[in-house]
Structures are given as C-alpha cells and as structure tokens.
C-alpha cells in the first residue's frame, strides 16, 4: 500500500502518522510512504 504524505494542509505529527499506519496495517500488506512533502514556514527577517 502506497501512502503519499503531502502535508500541504498541515504537519501530520507522530499521532497522525501512527493513526494512518494503524488504519492501513489491518490489510496485512507492507506500507510504503511513497511521496512526502513538508512545508516549512519561516518568519520573514528584516535586515537592518
């Protein structure tokens, strides 16, 4: 089973990751995280 964990709508965190693994593990197949996207927001810095 392939899971794309594009996190454009927010960081999953450990709890969400474990919840997804738990829900899909009952199929008894390996789970592959095939695509991962993490969005990092950096506060703008004003250079003086």
ModelCIF file with pLDDT and N, C-alpha, C, O atoms, coordinates in Angstrom:
data_MODEL
#
_entry.id   MODEL 
#
_entity.id                         1 
_entity.type                       polymer 
_entity.pdbx_number_of_molecules   1 
#
_entity_poly.entity_id                      1 
_entity_poly.type                           'polypeptide(L)' 
_entity_poly.nstd_linkage                   no 
_entity_poly.nstd_monomer                   no 
_entity_poly.pdbx_seq_one_letter_code       
;(UNK)(UNK)(UNK)(UNK)(UNK)(UNK)(UNK)(UNK)(UNK)(UNK)(UNK)(UNK)(UNK)(UNK)(UNK)(UNK)
(UNK)(UNK)(UNK)(UNK)(UNK)(UNK)(UNK)(UNK)(UNK)(UNK)(UNK)(UNK)(UNK)(UNK)(UNK)(UNK)
(UNK)(UNK)(UNK)(UNK)(UNK)(UNK)(UNK)(UNK)(UNK)(UNK)(UNK)(UNK)(UNK)(UNK)(UNK)(UNK)
;
_entity_poly.pdbx_seq_one_letter_code_can   XXXXXXXXXXXXXXXXXXXXXXXXXXXXXXXXXXXXXXXXXXXXXXXX 
_entity_poly.pdbx_strand_id                 A 
#
loop_
_entity_poly_seq.entity_id 
_entity_poly_seq.num 
_entity_poly_seq.mon_id 
_entity_poly_seq.hetero 
1 1  UNK n 
1 2  UNK n 
1 3  UNK n 
1 4  UNK n 
1 5  UNK n 
1 6  UNK n 
1 7  UNK n 
1 8  UNK n 
1 9  UNK n 
1 10 UNK n 
1 11 UNK n 
1 12 UNK n 
1 13 UNK n 
1 14 UNK n 
1 15 UNK n 
1 16 UNK n 
1 17 UNK n 
1 18 UNK n 
1 19 UNK n 
1 20 UNK n 
1 21 UNK n 
1 22 UNK n 
1 23 UNK n 
1 24 UNK n 
1 25 UNK n 
1 26 UNK n 
1 27 UNK n 
1 28 UNK n 
1 29 UNK n 
1 30 UNK n 
1 31 UNK n 
1 32 UNK n 
1 33 UNK n 
1 34 UNK n 
1 35 UNK n 
1 36 UNK n 
1 37 UNK n 
1 38 UNK n 
1 39 UNK n 
1 40 UNK n 
1 41 UNK n 
1 42 UNK n 
1 43 UNK n 
1 44 UNK n 
1 45 UNK n 
1 46 UNK n 
1 47 UNK n 
1 48 UNK n 
#
_struct_asym.id          A 
_struct_asym.entity_id   1 
#
loop_
_ma_qa_metric.id 
_ma_qa_metric.mode 
_ma_qa_metric.name 
_ma_qa_metric.software_group_id 
_ma_qa_metric.type 
1 global pLDDT . pLDDT 
2 local  pLDDT . pLDDT 
#
_ma_qa_metric_global.metric_id      1 
_ma_qa_metric_global.metric_value   79.08 
_ma_qa_metric_global.model_id       1 
_ma_qa_metric_global.ordinal_id     1 
#
loop_
_ma_qa_metric_local.label_asym_id 
_ma_qa_metric_local.label_comp_id 
_ma_qa_metric_local.label_seq_id 
_ma_qa_metric_local.metric_id 
_ma_qa_metric_local.metric_value 
_ma_qa_metric_local.model_id 
_ma_qa_metric_local.ordinal_id 
A UNK 1  2 96.00 1 1  
A UNK 2  2 94.00 1 2  
A UNK 3  2 91.00 1 3  
A UNK 4  2 86.00 1 4  
A UNK 5  2 78.00 1 5  
A UNK 6  2 71.00 1 6  
A UNK 7  2 69.00 1 7  
A UNK 8  2 63.00 1 8  
A UNK 9  2 68.00 1 9  
A UNK 10 2 67.00 1 10 
A UNK 11 2 70.00 1 11 
A UNK 12 2 71.00 1 12 
A UNK 13 2 75.00 1 13 
A UNK 14 2 81.00 1 14 
A UNK 15 2 86.00 1 15 
A UNK 16 2 82.00 1 16 
A UNK 17 2 83.00 1 17 
A UNK 18 2 90.00 1 18 
A UNK 19 2 90.00 1 19 
A UNK 20 2 87.00 1 20 
A UNK 21 2 91.00 1 21 
A UNK 22 2 93.00 1 22 
A UNK 23 2 92.00 1 23 
A UNK 24 2 94.00 1 24 
A UNK 25 2 95.00 1 25 
A UNK 26 2 94.00 1 26 
A UNK 27 2 96.00 1 27 
A UNK 28 2 96.00 1 28 
A UNK 29 2 97.00 1 29 
A UNK 30 2 96.00 1 30 
A UNK 31 2 95.00 1 31 
A UNK 32 2 91.00 1 32 
A UNK 33 2 87.00 1 33 
A UNK 34 2 85.00 1 34 
A UNK 35 2 78.00 1 35 
A UNK 36 2 75.00 1 36 
A UNK 37 2 72.00 1 37 
A UNK 38 2 66.00 1 38 
A UNK 39 2 64.00 1 39 
A UNK 40 2 65.00 1 40 
A UNK 41 2 64.00 1 41 
A UNK 42 2 65.00 1 42 
A UNK 43 2 64.00 1 43 
A UNK 44 2 60.00 1 44 
A UNK 45 2 56.00 1 45 
A UNK 46 2 56.00 1 46 
A UNK 47 2 55.00 1 47 
A UNK 48 2 56.00 1 48 
#
loop_
_atom_site.group_PDB 
_atom_site.id 
_atom_site.type_symbol 
_atom_site.label_atom_id 
_atom_site.label_alt_id 
_atom_site.label_comp_id 
_atom_site.label_asym_id 
_atom_site.label_entity_id 
_atom_site.label_seq_id 
_atom_site.pdbx_PDB_ins_code 
_atom_site.Cartn_x 
_atom_site.Cartn_y 
_atom_site.Cartn_z 
_atom_site.occupancy 
_atom_site.B_iso_or_equiv 
_atom_site.pdbx_formal_charge 
_atom_site.auth_seq_id 
_atom_site.auth_comp_id 
_atom_site.auth_asym_id 
_atom_site.auth_atom_id 
_atom_site.pdbx_PDB_model_num 
ATOM 1   N N  . UNK A 1 1  ? 0.858  -1.185 0.000  1.00 96.00 ? 1  UNK A N  1 
ATOM 2   C CA . UNK A 1 1  ? 0.000  0.000  0.000  1.00 96.00 ? 1  UNK A CA 1 
ATOM 3   C C  . UNK A 1 1  ? 0.894  1.235  0.000  1.00 96.00 ? 1  UNK A C  1 
ATOM 4   O O  . UNK A 1 1  ? 1.780  1.374  0.843  1.00 96.00 ? 1  UNK A O  1 
ATOM 5   N N  . UNK A 1 2  ? 0.651  2.120  -0.947 1.00 94.00 ? 2  UNK A N  1 
ATOM 6   C CA . UNK A 1 2  ? 1.399  3.370  -1.025 1.00 94.00 ? 2  UNK A CA 1 
ATOM 7   C C  . UNK A 1 2  ? 0.614  4.503  -0.395 1.00 94.00 ? 2  UNK A C  1 
ATOM 8   O O  . UNK A 1 2  ? -0.580 4.668  -0.643 1.00 94.00 ? 2  UNK A O  1 
ATOM 9   N N  . UNK A 1 3  ? 1.303  5.278  0.420  1.00 91.00 ? 3  UNK A N  1 
ATOM 10  C CA . UNK A 1 3  ? 0.710  6.453  1.074  1.00 91.00 ? 3  UNK A CA 1 
ATOM 11  C C  . UNK A 1 3  ? 1.547  7.668  0.688  1.00 91.00 ? 3  UNK A C  1 
ATOM 12  O O  . UNK A 1 3  ? 2.757  7.706  0.911  1.00 91.00 ? 3  UNK A O  1 
ATOM 13  N N  . UNK A 1 4  ? 0.884  8.644  0.113  1.00 86.00 ? 4  UNK A N  1 
ATOM 14  C CA . UNK A 1 4  ? 1.557  9.911  -0.172 1.00 86.00 ? 4  UNK A CA 1 
ATOM 15  C C  . UNK A 1 4  ? 1.239  10.850 0.987  1.00 86.00 ? 4  UNK A C  1 
ATOM 16  O O  . UNK A 1 4  ? 0.078  11.171 1.238  1.00 86.00 ? 4  UNK A O  1 
ATOM 17  N N  . UNK A 1 5  ? 2.257  11.275 1.672  1.00 78.00 ? 5  UNK A N  1 
ATOM 18  C CA . UNK A 1 5  ? 2.010  12.125 2.842  1.00 78.00 ? 5  UNK A CA 1 
ATOM 19  C C  . UNK A 1 5  ? 2.379  13.576 2.552  1.00 78.00 ? 5  UNK A C  1 
ATOM 20  O O  . UNK A 1 5  ? 3.212  14.176 3.233  1.00 78.00 ? 5  UNK A O  1 
ATOM 21  N N  . UNK A 1 6  ? 1.738  14.119 1.527  1.00 71.00 ? 6  UNK A N  1 
ATOM 22  C CA . UNK A 1 6  ? 1.929  15.536 1.247  1.00 71.00 ? 6  UNK A CA 1 
ATOM 23  C C  . UNK A 1 6  ? 1.241  16.318 2.367  1.00 71.00 ? 6  UNK A C  1 
ATOM 24  O O  . UNK A 1 6  ? 0.039  16.175 2.588  1.00 71.00 ? 6  UNK A O  1 
ATOM 25  N N  . UNK A 1 7  ? 2.001  17.126 3.052  1.00 69.00 ? 7  UNK A N  1 
ATOM 26  C CA . UNK A 1 7  ? 1.480  17.789 4.242  1.00 69.00 ? 7  UNK A CA 1 
ATOM 27  C C  . UNK A 1 7  ? 1.265  19.283 4.011  1.00 69.00 ? 7  UNK A C  1 
ATOM 28  O O  . UNK A 1 7  ? 1.591  20.116 4.857  1.00 69.00 ? 7  UNK A O  1 
ATOM 29  N N  . UNK A 1 8  ? 0.705  19.596 2.836  1.00 63.00 ? 8  UNK A N  1 
ATOM 30  C CA . UNK A 1 8  ? 0.426  20.995 2.495  1.00 63.00 ? 8  UNK A CA 1 
ATOM 31  C C  . UNK A 1 8  ? -0.624 21.610 3.417  1.00 63.00 ? 8  UNK A C  1 
ATOM 32  O O  . UNK A 1 8  ? -0.635 22.821 3.642  1.00 63.00 ? 8  UNK A O  1 
ATOM 33  N N  . UNK A 1 9  ? -1.496 20.771 3.941  1.00 68.00 ? 9  UNK A N  1 
ATOM 34  C CA . UNK A 1 9  ? -2.573 21.276 4.797  1.00 68.00 ? 9  UNK A CA 1 
ATOM 35  C C  . UNK A 1 9  ? -2.215 21.184 6.272  1.00 68.00 ? 9  UNK A C  1 
ATOM 36  O O  . UNK A 1 9  ? -3.078 21.320 7.138  1.00 68.00 ? 9  UNK A O  1 
ATOM 37  N N  . UNK A 1 10 ? -0.951 20.954 6.550  1.00 67.00 ? 10 UNK A N  1 
ATOM 38  C CA . UNK A 1 10 ? -0.507 20.917 7.930  1.00 67.00 ? 10 UNK A CA 1 
ATOM 39  C C  . UNK A 1 10 ? 0.347  19.702 8.232  1.00 67.00 ? 10 UNK A C  1 
ATOM 40  O O  . UNK A 1 10 ? 0.173  18.631 7.650  1.00 67.00 ? 10 UNK A O  1 
ATOM 41  N N  . UNK A 1 11 ? 1.253  19.890 9.136  1.00 70.00 ? 11 UNK A N  1 
ATOM 42  C CA . UNK A 1 11 ? 2.174  18.841 9.571  1.00 70.00 ? 11 UNK A CA 1 
ATOM 43  C C  . UNK A 1 11 ? 1.401  17.716 10.232 1.00 70.00 ? 11 UNK A C  1 
ATOM 44  O O  . UNK A 1 11 ? 0.546  17.970 11.080 1.00 70.00 ? 11 UNK A O  1 
ATOM 45  N N  . UNK A 1 12 ? 1.688  16.477 9.860  1.00 71.00 ? 12 UNK A N  1 
ATOM 46  C CA . UNK A 1 12 ? 0.972  15.329 10.417 1.00 71.00 ? 12 UNK A CA 1 
ATOM 47  C C  . UNK A 1 12 ? 1.322  15.091 11.878 1.00 71.00 ? 12 UNK A C  1 
ATOM 48  O O  . UNK A 1 12 ? 0.430  14.887 12.702 1.00 71.00 ? 12 UNK A O  1 
ATOM 49  N N  . UNK A 1 13 ? 2.569  15.115 12.199 1.00 75.00 ? 13 UNK A N  1 
ATOM 50  C CA . UNK A 1 13 ? 2.988  14.803 13.562 1.00 75.00 ? 13 UNK A CA 1 
ATOM 51  C C  . UNK A 1 13 ? 2.948  13.304 13.806 1.00 75.00 ? 13 UNK A C  1 
ATOM 52  O O  . UNK A 1 13 ? 2.433  12.542 12.988 1.00 75.00 ? 13 UNK A O  1 
ATOM 53  N N  . UNK A 1 14 ? 3.488  12.896 14.928 1.00 81.00 ? 14 UNK A N  1 
ATOM 54  C CA . UNK A 1 14 ? 3.598  11.488 15.286 1.00 81.00 ? 14 UNK A CA 1 
ATOM 55  C C  . UNK A 1 14 ? 2.221  10.830 15.416 1.00 81.00 ? 14 UNK A C  1 
ATOM 56  O O  . UNK A 1 14 ? 2.039  9.695  14.974 1.00 81.00 ? 14 UNK A O  1 
ATOM 57  N N  . UNK A 1 15 ? 1.262  11.519 16.011 1.00 86.00 ? 15 UNK A N  1 
ATOM 58  C CA . UNK A 1 15 ? -0.061 10.942 16.239 1.00 86.00 ? 15 UNK A CA 1 
ATOM 59  C C  . UNK A 1 15 ? -0.761 10.598 14.925 1.00 86.00 ? 15 UNK A C  1 
ATOM 60  O O  . UNK A 1 15 ? -1.311 9.506  14.786 1.00 86.00 ? 15 UNK A O  1 
ATOM 61  N N  . UNK A 1 16 ? -0.744 11.517 13.965 1.00 82.00 ? 16 UNK A N  1 
ATOM 62  C CA . UNK A 1 16 ? -1.394 11.292 12.668 1.00 82.00 ? 16 UNK A CA 1 
ATOM 63  C C  . UNK A 1 16 ? -0.686 10.157 11.927 1.00 82.00 ? 16 UNK A C  1 
ATOM 64  O O  . UNK A 1 16 ? -1.340 9.296  11.338 1.00 82.00 ? 16 UNK A O  1 
ATOM 65  N N  . UNK A 1 17 ? 0.637  10.153 11.955 1.00 83.00 ? 17 UNK A N  1 
ATOM 66  C CA . UNK A 1 17 ? 1.405  9.107  11.295 1.00 83.00 ? 17 UNK A CA 1 
ATOM 67  C C  . UNK A 1 17 ? 1.045  7.734  11.875 1.00 83.00 ? 17 UNK A C  1 
ATOM 68  O O  . UNK A 1 17 ? 0.816  6.785  11.125 1.00 83.00 ? 17 UNK A O  1 
ATOM 69  N N  . UNK A 1 18 ? 0.995  7.628  13.195 1.00 90.00 ? 18 UNK A N  1 
ATOM 70  C CA . UNK A 1 18 ? 0.639  6.366  13.838 1.00 90.00 ? 18 UNK A CA 1 
ATOM 71  C C  . UNK A 1 18 ? -0.805 5.960  13.532 1.00 90.00 ? 18 UNK A C  1 
ATOM 72  O O  . UNK A 1 18 ? -1.099 4.777  13.362 1.00 90.00 ? 18 UNK A O  1 
ATOM 73  N N  . UNK A 1 19 ? -1.692 6.934  13.465 1.00 90.00 ? 19 UNK A N  1 
ATOM 74  C CA . UNK A 1 19 ? -3.101 6.652  13.153 1.00 90.00 ? 19 UNK A CA 1 
ATOM 75  C C  . UNK A 1 19 ? -3.231 6.096  11.737 1.00 90.00 ? 19 UNK A C  1 
ATOM 76  O O  . UNK A 1 19 ? -3.975 5.140  11.518 1.00 90.00 ? 19 UNK A O  1 
ATOM 77  N N  . UNK A 1 20 ? -2.522 6.676  10.780 1.00 87.00 ? 20 UNK A N  1 
ATOM 78  C CA . UNK A 1 20 ? -2.557 6.200  9.399  1.00 87.00 ? 20 UNK A CA 1 
ATOM 79  C C  . UNK A 1 20 ? -1.974 4.787  9.319  1.00 87.00 ? 20 UNK A C  1 
ATOM 80  O O  . UNK A 1 20 ? -2.550 3.914  8.669  1.00 87.00 ? 20 UNK A O  1 
ATOM 81  N N  . UNK A 1 21 ? -0.843 4.563  9.973  1.00 91.00 ? 21 UNK A N  1 
ATOM 82  C CA . UNK A 1 21 ? -0.236 3.229  9.970  1.00 91.00 ? 21 UNK A CA 1 
ATOM 83  C C  . UNK A 1 21 ? -1.167 2.192  10.585 1.00 91.00 ? 21 UNK A C  1 
ATOM 84  O O  . UNK A 1 21 ? -1.295 1.082  10.068 1.00 91.00 ? 21 UNK A O  1 
ATOM 85  N N  . UNK A 1 22 ? -1.811 2.551  11.680 1.00 93.00 ? 22 UNK A N  1 
ATOM 86  C CA . UNK A 1 22 ? -2.743 1.637  12.345 1.00 93.00 ? 22 UNK A CA 1 
ATOM 87  C C  . UNK A 1 22 ? -3.918 1.281  11.437 1.00 93.00 ? 22 UNK A C  1 
ATOM 88  O O  . UNK A 1 22 ? -4.282 0.111  11.314 1.00 93.00 ? 22 UNK A O  1 
ATOM 89  N N  . UNK A 1 23 ? -4.505 2.288  10.806 1.00 92.00 ? 23 UNK A N  1 
ATOM 90  C CA . UNK A 1 23 ? -5.681 2.046  9.962  1.00 92.00 ? 23 UNK A CA 1 
ATOM 91  C C  . UNK A 1 23 ? -5.370 1.172  8.754  1.00 92.00 ? 23 UNK A C  1 
ATOM 92  O O  . UNK A 1 23 ? -6.189 0.338  8.370  1.00 92.00 ? 23 UNK A O  1 
ATOM 93  N N  . UNK A 1 24 ? -4.194 1.352  8.148  1.00 94.00 ? 24 UNK A N  1 
ATOM 94  C CA . UNK A 1 24 ? -3.885 0.612  6.926  1.00 94.00 ? 24 UNK A CA 1 
ATOM 95  C C  . UNK A 1 24 ? -3.152 -0.701 7.201  1.00 94.00 ? 24 UNK A C  1 
ATOM 96  O O  . UNK A 1 24 ? -3.002 -1.515 6.290  1.00 94.00 ? 24 UNK A O  1 
ATOM 97  N N  . UNK A 1 25 ? -2.699 -0.924 8.415  1.00 95.00 ? 25 UNK A N  1 
ATOM 98  C CA . UNK A 1 25 ? -1.964 -2.148 8.718  1.00 95.00 ? 25 UNK A CA 1 
ATOM 99  C C  . UNK A 1 25 ? -2.863 -3.388 8.737  1.00 95.00 ? 25 UNK A C  1 
ATOM 100 O O  . UNK A 1 25 ? -2.376 -4.506 8.574  1.00 95.00 ? 25 UNK A O  1 
ATOM 101 N N  . UNK A 1 26 ? -4.161 -3.198 8.933  1.00 94.00 ? 26 UNK A N  1 
ATOM 102 C CA . UNK A 1 26 ? -5.048 -4.368 9.007  1.00 94.00 ? 26 UNK A CA 1 
ATOM 103 C C  . UNK A 1 26 ? -5.154 -5.130 7.693  1.00 94.00 ? 26 UNK A C  1 
ATOM 104 O O  . UNK A 1 26 ? -5.662 -6.251 7.667  1.00 94.00 ? 26 UNK A O  1 
ATOM 105 N N  . UNK A 1 27 ? -4.679 -4.532 6.599  1.00 96.00 ? 27 UNK A N  1 
ATOM 106 C CA . UNK A 1 27 ? -4.693 -5.239 5.316  1.00 96.00 ? 27 UNK A CA 1 
ATOM 107 C C  . UNK A 1 27 ? -3.583 -6.288 5.237  1.00 96.00 ? 27 UNK A C  1 
ATOM 108 O O  . UNK A 1 27 ? -3.616 -7.163 4.372  1.00 96.00 ? 27 UNK A O  1 
ATOM 109 N N  . UNK A 1 28 ? -2.605 -6.202 6.135  1.00 96.00 ? 28 UNK A N  1 
ATOM 110 C CA . UNK A 1 28 ? -1.535 -7.186 6.158  1.00 96.00 ? 28 UNK A CA 1 
ATOM 111 C C  . UNK A 1 28 ? -0.514 -7.033 5.042  1.00 96.00 ? 28 UNK A C  1 
ATOM 112 O O  . UNK A 1 28 ? 0.224  -7.971 4.740  1.00 96.00 ? 28 UNK A O  1 
ATOM 113 N N  . UNK A 1 29 ? -0.467 -5.866 4.433  1.00 97.00 ? 29 UNK A N  1 
ATOM 114 C CA . UNK A 1 29 ? 0.492  -5.590 3.360  1.00 97.00 ? 29 UNK A CA 1 
ATOM 115 C C  . UNK A 1 29 ? 1.527  -4.579 3.840  1.00 97.00 ? 29 UNK A C  1 
ATOM 116 O O  . UNK A 1 29 ? 1.243  -3.776 4.729  1.00 97.00 ? 29 UNK A O  1 
ATOM 117 N N  . UNK A 1 30 ? 2.728  -4.613 3.257  1.00 96.00 ? 30 UNK A N  1 
ATOM 118 C CA . UNK A 1 30 ? 3.697  -3.566 3.588  1.00 96.00 ? 30 UNK A CA 1 
ATOM 119 C C  . UNK A 1 30 ? 3.116  -2.192 3.233  1.00 96.00 ? 30 UNK A C  1 
ATOM 120 O O  . UNK A 1 30 ? 2.347  -2.059 2.281  1.00 96.00 ? 30 UNK A O  1 
ATOM 121 N N  . UNK A 1 31 ? 3.491  -1.189 4.002  1.00 95.00 ? 31 UNK A N  1 
ATOM 122 C CA . UNK A 1 31 ? 3.052  0.186  3.752  1.00 95.00 ? 31 UNK A CA 1 
ATOM 123 C C  . UNK A 1 31 ? 4.282  0.992  3.357  1.00 95.00 ? 31 UNK A C  1 
ATOM 124 O O  . UNK A 1 31 ? 5.282  1.021  4.074  1.00 95.00 ? 31 UNK A O  1 
ATOM 125 N N  . UNK A 1 32 ? 4.190  1.644  2.208  1.00 91.00 ? 32 UNK A N  1 
ATOM 126 C CA . UNK A 1 32 ? 5.289  2.470  1.714  1.00 91.00 ? 32 UNK A CA 1 
ATOM 127 C C  . UNK A 1 32 ? 4.841  3.929  1.705  1.00 91.00 ? 32 UNK A C  1 
ATOM 128 O O  . UNK A 1 32 ? 3.801  4.262  1.137  1.00 91.00 ? 32 UNK A O  1 
ATOM 129 N N  . UNK A 1 33 ? 5.620  4.783  2.329  1.00 87.00 ? 33 UNK A N  1 
ATOM 130 C CA . UNK A 1 33 ? 5.380  6.221  2.196  1.00 87.00 ? 33 UNK A CA 1 
ATOM 131 C C  . UNK A 1 33 ? 6.137  6.644  0.948  1.00 87.00 ? 33 UNK A C  1 
ATOM 132 O O  . UNK A 1 33 ? 7.353  6.834  0.973  1.00 87.00 ? 33 UNK A O  1 
ATOM 133 N N  . UNK A 1 34 ? 5.392  6.788  -0.147 1.00 85.00 ? 34 UNK A N  1 
ATOM 134 C CA . UNK A 1 34 ? 5.997  6.957  -1.469 1.00 85.00 ? 34 UNK A CA 1 
ATOM 135 C C  . UNK A 1 34 ? 6.362  8.391  -1.790 1.00 85.00 ? 34 UNK A C  1 
ATOM 136 O O  . UNK A 1 34 ? 7.311  8.645  -2.531 1.00 85.00 ? 34 UNK A O  1 
ATOM 137 N N  . UNK A 1 35 ? 5.626  9.313  -1.245 1.00 78.00 ? 35 UNK A N  1 
ATOM 138 C CA . UNK A 1 35 ? 5.884  10.730 -1.504 1.00 78.00 ? 35 UNK A CA 1 
ATOM 139 C C  . UNK A 1 35 ? 5.659  11.485 -0.202 1.00 78.00 ? 35 UNK A C  1 
ATOM 140 O O  . UNK A 1 35 ? 4.666  11.271 0.495  1.00 78.00 ? 35 UNK A O  1 
ATOM 141 N N  . UNK A 1 36 ? 6.582  12.358 0.110  1.00 75.00 ? 36 UNK A N  1 
ATOM 142 C CA . UNK A 1 36 ? 6.474  13.141 1.336  1.00 75.00 ? 36 UNK A CA 1 
ATOM 143 C C  . UNK A 1 36 ? 6.792  14.595 1.030  1.00 75.00 ? 36 UNK A C  1 
ATOM 144 O O  . UNK A 1 36 ? 7.777  14.898 0.356  1.00 75.00 ? 36 UNK A O  1 
ATOM 145 N N  . UNK A 1 37 ? 5.974  15.465 1.518  1.00 72.00 ? 37 UNK A N  1 
ATOM 146 C CA . UNK A 1 37 ? 6.209  16.894 1.363  1.00 72.00 ? 37 UNK A CA 1 
ATOM 147 C C  . UNK A 1 37 ? 6.002  17.554 2.721  1.00 72.00 ? 37 UNK A C  1 
ATOM 148 O O  . UNK A 1 37 ? 4.940  17.426 3.331  1.00 72.00 ? 37 UNK A O  1 
ATOM 149 N N  . UNK A 1 38 ? 6.999  18.239 3.170  1.00 66.00 ? 38 UNK A N  1 
ATOM 150 C CA . UNK A 1 38 ? 6.882  19.023 4.396  1.00 66.00 ? 38 UNK A CA 1 
ATOM 151 C C  . UNK A 1 38 ? 7.004  20.490 4.022  1.00 66.00 ? 38 UNK A C  1 
ATOM 152 O O  . UNK A 1 38 ? 7.930  20.881 3.312  1.00 66.00 ? 38 UNK A O  1 
ATOM 153 N N  . UNK A 1 39 ? 6.098  21.276 4.488  1.00 64.00 ? 39 UNK A N  1 
ATOM 154 C CA . UNK A 1 39 ? 6.126  22.707 4.236  1.00 64.00 ? 39 UNK A CA 1 
ATOM 155 C C  . UNK A 1 39 ? 6.688  23.388 5.479  1.00 64.00 ? 39 UNK A C  1 
ATOM 156 O O  . UNK A 1 39 ? 6.198  23.191 6.592  1.00 64.00 ? 39 UNK A O  1 
ATOM 157 N N  . UNK A 1 40 ? 7.693  24.166 5.271  1.00 65.00 ? 40 UNK A N  1 
ATOM 158 C CA . UNK A 1 40 ? 8.307  24.890 6.384  1.00 65.00 ? 40 UNK A CA 1 
ATOM 159 C C  . UNK A 1 40 ? 8.031  26.377 6.184  1.00 65.00 ? 40 UNK A C  1 
ATOM 160 O O  . UNK A 1 40 ? 8.368  26.953 5.149  1.00 65.00 ? 40 UNK A O  1 
ATOM 161 N N  . UNK A 1 41 ? 7.429  26.967 7.164  1.00 64.00 ? 41 UNK A N  1 
ATOM 162 C CA . UNK A 1 41 ? 7.173  28.411 7.093  1.00 64.00 ? 41 UNK A CA 1 
ATOM 163 C C  . UNK A 1 41 ? 8.199  29.114 7.965  1.00 64.00 ? 41 UNK A C  1 
ATOM 164 O O  . UNK A 1 41 ? 8.336  28.826 9.154  1.00 64.00 ? 41 UNK A O  1 
ATOM 165 N N  . UNK A 1 42 ? 8.900  30.021 7.359  1.00 65.00 ? 42 UNK A N  1 
ATOM 166 C CA . UNK A 1 42 ? 9.920  30.782 8.079  1.00 65.00 ? 42 UNK A CA 1 
ATOM 167 C C  . UNK A 1 42 ? 9.451  32.223 8.162  1.00 65.00 ? 42 UNK A C  1 
ATOM 168 O O  . UNK A 1 42 ? 9.037  32.823 7.169  1.00 65.00 ? 42 UNK A O  1 
ATOM 169 N N  . UNK A 1 43 ? 9.525  32.757 9.356  1.00 64.00 ? 43 UNK A N  1 
ATOM 170 C CA . UNK A 1 43 ? 9.142  34.171 9.527  1.00 64.00 ? 43 UNK A CA 1 
ATOM 171 C C  . UNK A 1 43 ? 10.097 35.059 8.750  1.00 64.00 ? 43 UNK A C  1 
ATOM 172 O O  . UNK A 1 43 ? 11.308 34.841 8.758  1.00 64.00 ? 43 UNK A O  1 
ATOM 173 N N  . UNK A 1 44 ? 9.553  36.044 8.092  1.00 60.00 ? 44 UNK A N  1 
ATOM 174 C CA . UNK A 1 44 ? 10.458 36.959 7.381  1.00 60.00 ? 44 UNK A CA 1 
ATOM 175 C C  . UNK A 1 44 ? 11.359 37.697 8.375  1.00 60.00 ? 44 UNK A C  1 
ATOM 176 O O  . UNK A 1 44 ? 10.927 38.082 9.462  1.00 60.00 ? 44 UNK A O  1 
ATOM 177 N N  . UNK A 1 45 ? 12.567 37.875 7.992  1.00 56.00 ? 45 UNK A N  1 
ATOM 178 C CA . UNK A 1 45 ? 13.541 38.585 8.826  1.00 56.00 ? 45 UNK A CA 1 
ATOM 179 C C  . UNK A 1 45 ? 13.838 39.917 8.160  1.00 56.00 ? 45 UNK A C  1 
ATOM 180 O O  . UNK A 1 45 ? 14.153 39.974 6.971  1.00 56.00 ? 45 UNK A O  1 
ATOM 181 N N  . UNK A 1 46 ? 13.736 40.969 8.924  1.00 56.00 ? 46 UNK A N  1 
ATOM 182 C CA . UNK A 1 46 ? 14.059 42.291 8.399  1.00 56.00 ? 46 UNK A CA 1 
ATOM 183 C C  . UNK A 1 46 ? 15.519 42.568 8.733  1.00 56.00 ? 46 UNK A C  1 
ATOM 184 O O  . UNK A 1 46 ? 15.923 42.601 9.895  1.00 56.00 ? 46 UNK A O  1 
ATOM 185 N N  . UNK A 1 47 ? 16.283 42.762 7.686  1.00 55.00 ? 47 UNK A N  1 
ATOM 186 C CA . UNK A 1 47 ? 17.714 43.048 7.888  1.00 55.00 ? 47 UNK A CA 1 
ATOM 187 C C  . UNK A 1 47 ? 17.905 44.557 7.920  1.00 55.00 ? 47 UNK A C  1 
ATOM 188 O O  . UNK A 1 47 ? 17.434 45.273 7.036  1.00 55.00 ? 47 UNK A O  1 
ATOM 189 N N  . UNK A 1 48 ? 18.575 45.014 8.911  1.00 56.00 ? 48 UNK A N  1 
ATOM 190 C CA . UNK A 1 48 ? 18.847 46.460 9.023  1.00 56.00 ? 48 UNK A CA 1 
ATOM 191 C C  . UNK A 1 48 ? 20.332 46.672 8.841  1.00 56.00 ? 48 UNK A C  1 
ATOM 192 O O  . UNK A 1 48 ? 20.804 47.808 8.893  1.00 56.00 ? 48 UNK A O  1 
#
